[in-house]
Amino acid sequence: MDPDEAVIYAEYVEAGLSGSEAVEIWRKLMSTMTIFFRSAAAQRVREEGREEGREEGREEERAHTVLMVLERRGLEVSDAVRERVLSCQGSEELGALLDRAWEVTRAQDLFGG
């Protein structure tokens, strides 16, 4: 199929799915396609994906900061603590860990133990 025609058909399908739960599945599917899909919804899905990636990057950076604070304070960071910190998700949880990293006397105390 001609890519220009495919775009038109894809936009018709999205318009037909509007207001249904299936539209989100369609948008995710279309965001992975290599055709140039121009609808506002498809662009929004791509932007949401980029923002999720940015947020994940910020969380990963914050987790590494927690570990760096512990290490710079001279505290021994076990593999178990390192893995647990790196697996944390959410800026609130990581922010709390970062605050505690400045106060704890042992790295494992970050988690109340």
C-alpha atoms as a PDB file:
ATOM      1  CA  MET A   1       0.000   0.000   0.000  1.00  0.00           C
ATOM      2  CA  ASP A   2       1.169   3.493  -0.765  1.00  0.00           C
ATOM      3  CA  PRO A   3       2.357   5.087   2.506  1.00  0.00           C
ATOM      4  CA  ASP A   4       0.321   8.239   1.854  1.00  0.00           C
ATOM      5  CA  GLU A   5      -2.834   6.136   1.478  1.00  0.00           C
ATOM      6  CA  ALA A   6      -1.925   4.133   4.582  1.00  0.00           C
ATOM      7  CA  VAL A   7      -1.833   7.336   6.619  1.00  0.00           C
ATOM      8  CA  ILE A   8      -5.303   8.278   5.445  1.00  0.00           C
ATOM      9  CA  TYR A   9      -6.715   4.844   6.285  1.00  0.00           C
ATOM     10  CA  ALA A  10      -4.984   4.844   9.666  1.00  0.00           C
ATOM     11  CA  GLU A  11      -6.514   8.193  10.521  1.00  0.00           C
ATOM     12  CA  TYR A  12      -9.958   6.940   9.479  1.00  0.00           C
ATOM     13  CA  VAL A  13      -9.556   3.919  11.751  1.00  0.00           C
ATOM     14  CA  GLU A  14      -8.509   6.130  14.654  1.00  0.00           C
ATOM     15  CA  ALA A  15     -11.475   8.412  14.096  1.00  0.00           C
ATOM     16  CA  GLY A  16     -13.777   5.377  14.077  1.00  0.00           C
ATOM     17  CA  LEU A  17     -12.299   4.121  17.341  1.00  0.00           C
ATOM     18  CA  SER A  18     -12.606   7.493  19.054  1.00  0.00           C
ATOM     19  CA  GLY A  19     -14.276   7.216  22.438  1.00  0.00           C
ATOM     20  CA  SER A  20     -13.596   3.490  22.819  1.00  0.00           C
ATOM     21  CA  GLU A  21     -11.022   1.616  24.868  1.00  0.00           C
ATOM     22  CA  ALA A  22      -9.583   0.219  21.652  1.00  0.00           C
ATOM     23  CA  VAL A  23      -8.327   3.647  20.590  1.00  0.00           C
ATOM     24  CA  GLU A  24      -5.454   3.464  23.110  1.00  0.00           C
ATOM     25  CA  ILE A  25      -4.374   0.079  21.744  1.00  0.00           C
ATOM     26  CA  TRP A  26      -4.561   1.499  18.222  1.00  0.00           C
ATOM     27  CA  ARG A  27      -2.463   4.533  19.186  1.00  0.00           C
ATOM     28  CA  LYS A  28       0.212   2.373  20.756  1.00  0.00           C
ATOM     29  CA  LEU A  29       0.245   0.113  17.727  1.00  0.00           C
ATOM     30  CA  MET A  30       0.533   3.061  15.369  1.00  0.00           C
ATOM     31  CA  SER A  31       3.344   4.613  17.414  1.00  0.00           C
ATOM     32  CA  THR A  32       5.477   1.570  16.579  1.00  0.00           C
ATOM     33  CA  MET A  33       4.773   1.684  12.854  1.00  0.00           C
ATOM     34  CA  THR A  34       7.396   2.960  10.481  1.00  0.00           C
ATOM     35  CA  ILE A  35       4.928   4.854   8.339  1.00  0.00           C
ATOM     36  CA  PHE A  36       4.655   8.560   8.901  1.00  0.00           C
ATOM     37  CA  PHE A  37       1.451   8.735  10.908  1.00  0.00           C
ATOM     38  CA  ARG A  38       0.409  12.353  11.255  1.00  0.00           C
ATOM     39  CA  SER A  39      -2.659  12.402  13.460  1.00  0.00           C
ATOM     40  CA  ALA A  40      -2.559  14.489  16.619  1.00  0.00           C
ATOM     41  CA  ALA A  41      -3.303  11.395  18.673  1.00  0.00           C
ATOM     42  CA  ALA A  42      -0.336   9.493  17.248  1.00  0.00           C
ATOM     43  CA  GLN A  43       1.949  12.434  17.896  1.00  0.00           C
ATOM     44  CA  ARG A  44       0.622  12.634  21.463  1.00  0.00           C
ATOM     45  CA  VAL A  45       1.389   8.935  22.022  1.00  0.00           C
ATOM     46  CA  ARG A  46       4.927   9.446  20.724  1.00  0.00           C
ATOM     47  CA  GLU A  47       5.391  12.435  23.044  1.00  0.00           C
ATOM     48  CA  GLU A  48       4.021  10.459  25.996  1.00  0.00           C
ATOM     49  CA  GLY A  49       6.529   7.708  25.235  1.00  0.00           C
ATOM     50  CA  ARG A  50       9.353  10.219  25.131  1.00  0.00           C
ATOM     51  CA  GLU A  51       8.228  11.742  28.427  1.00  0.00           C
ATOM     52  CA  GLU A  52       8.083   8.288  30.025  1.00  0.00           C
ATOM     53  CA  GLY A  53      11.642   7.704  28.849  1.00  0.00           C
ATOM     54  CA  ARG A  54      12.766  11.032  30.279  1.00  0.00           C
ATOM     55  CA  GLU A  55      11.082  10.250  33.601  1.00  0.00           C
ATOM     56  CA  GLU A  56      12.724   6.827  33.745  1.00  0.00           C
ATOM     57  CA  GLY A  57      16.068   8.506  33.088  1.00  0.00           C
ATOM     58  CA  ARG A  58      15.487  11.003  35.883  1.00  0.00           C
ATOM     59  CA  GLU A  59      14.542   8.202  38.283  1.00  0.00           C
ATOM     60  CA  GLU A  60      17.627   6.200  37.343  1.00  0.00           C
ATOM     61  CA  GLU A  61      19.817   9.268  37.863  1.00  0.00           C
ATOM     62  CA  ARG A  62      18.226   9.916  41.261  1.00  0.00           C
ATOM     63  CA  ALA A  63      18.806   6.279  42.292  1.00  0.00           C
ATOM     64  CA  HIS A  64      22.481   6.609  41.347  1.00  0.00           C
ATOM     65  CA  THR A  65      22.640   9.828  43.369  1.00  0.00           C
ATOM     66  CA  VAL A  66      21.349   7.979  46.441  1.00  0.00           C
ATOM     67  CA  LEU A  67      24.119   5.408  46.021  1.00  0.00           C
ATOM     68  CA  MET A  68      26.729   8.102  45.434  1.00  0.00           C
ATOM     69  CA  VAL A  69      25.755   9.921  48.644  1.00  0.00           C
ATOM     70  CA  LEU A  70      26.079   6.706  50.642  1.00  0.00           C
ATOM     71  CA  GLU A  71      29.447   5.903  49.117  1.00  0.00           C
ATOM     72  CA  ARG A  72      30.830   9.437  49.521  1.00  0.00           C
ATOM     73  CA  ARG A  73      29.808   9.314  53.169  1.00  0.00           C
ATOM     74  CA  GLY A  74      32.004   6.214  53.462  1.00  0.00           C
ATOM     75  CA  LEU A  75      29.155   3.758  53.993  1.00  0.00           C
ATOM     76  CA  GLU A  76      29.462   0.253  52.622  1.00  0.00           C
ATOM     77  CA  VAL A  77      26.775  -0.432  50.021  1.00  0.00           C
ATOM     78  CA  SER A  78      26.006  -4.119  49.619  1.00  0.00           C
ATOM     79  CA  ASP A  79      24.844  -5.578  46.312  1.00  0.00           C
ATOM     80  CA  ALA A  80      21.408  -6.150  47.862  1.00  0.00           C
ATOM     81  CA  VAL A  81      21.051  -2.484  48.858  1.00  0.00           C
ATOM     82  CA  ARG A  82      22.356  -1.354  45.449  1.00  0.00           C
ATOM     83  CA  GLU A  83      19.822  -3.537  43.623  1.00  0.00           C
ATOM     84  CA  ARG A  84      16.990  -2.404  45.855  1.00  0.00           C
ATOM     85  CA  VAL A  85      17.791   1.277  45.339  1.00  0.00           C
ATOM     86  CA  LEU A  86      18.133   0.834  41.576  1.00  0.00           C
ATOM     87  CA  SER A  87      14.803  -1.004  41.425  1.00  0.00           C
ATOM     88  CA  CYS A  88      12.923   1.822  43.165  1.00  0.00           C
ATOM     89  CA  GLN A  89      10.448   3.673  41.013  1.00  0.00           C
ATOM     90  CA  GLY A  90       8.744   6.958  41.566  1.00  0.00           C
ATOM     91  CA  SER A  91      10.294  10.295  42.359  1.00  0.00           C
ATOM     92  CA  GLU A  92       8.665  10.460  45.792  1.00  0.00           C
ATOM     93  CA  GLU A  93      10.169   7.165  46.947  1.00  0.00           C
ATOM     94  CA  LEU A  94      13.573   8.055  45.536  1.00  0.00           C
ATOM     95  CA  GLY A  95      13.392  11.514  47.093  1.00  0.00           C
ATOM     96  CA  ALA A  96      12.741   9.953  50.497  1.00  0.00           C
ATOM     97  CA  LEU A  97      15.692   7.604  50.009  1.00  0.00           C
ATOM     98  CA  LEU A  98      17.923  10.512  49.054  1.00  0.00           C
ATOM     99  CA  ASP A  99      16.923  12.394  52.209  1.00  0.00           C
ATOM    100  CA  ARG A 100      17.631   9.296  54.316  1.00  0.00           C
ATOM    101  CA  ALA A 101      20.967   8.693  52.552  1.00  0.00           C
ATOM    102  CA  TRP A 102      22.306  11.811  54.274  1.00  0.00           C
ATOM    103  CA  GLU A 103      21.222  10.613  57.721  1.00  0.00           C
ATOM    104  CA  VAL A 104      21.613   6.833  57.997  1.00  0.00           C
ATOM    105  CA  THR A 105      24.650   5.262  59.639  1.00  0.00           C
ATOM    106  CA  ARG A 106      24.399   2.058  57.575  1.00  0.00           C
ATOM    107  CA  ALA A 107      23.258   1.770  53.945  1.00  0.00           C
ATOM    108  CA  GLN A 108      20.754  -0.973  54.786  1.00  0.00           C
ATOM    109  CA  ASP A 109      19.000   1.463  57.152  1.00  0.00           C
ATOM    110  CA  LEU A 110      17.650   3.314  54.082  1.00  0.00           C
ATOM    111  CA  PHE A 111      14.762   0.856  54.090  1.00  0.00           C
ATOM    112  CA  GLY A 112      14.113   0.913  57.807  1.00  0.00           C
ATOM    113  CA  GLY A 113      16.076  -2.236  58.554  1.00  0.00           C
END
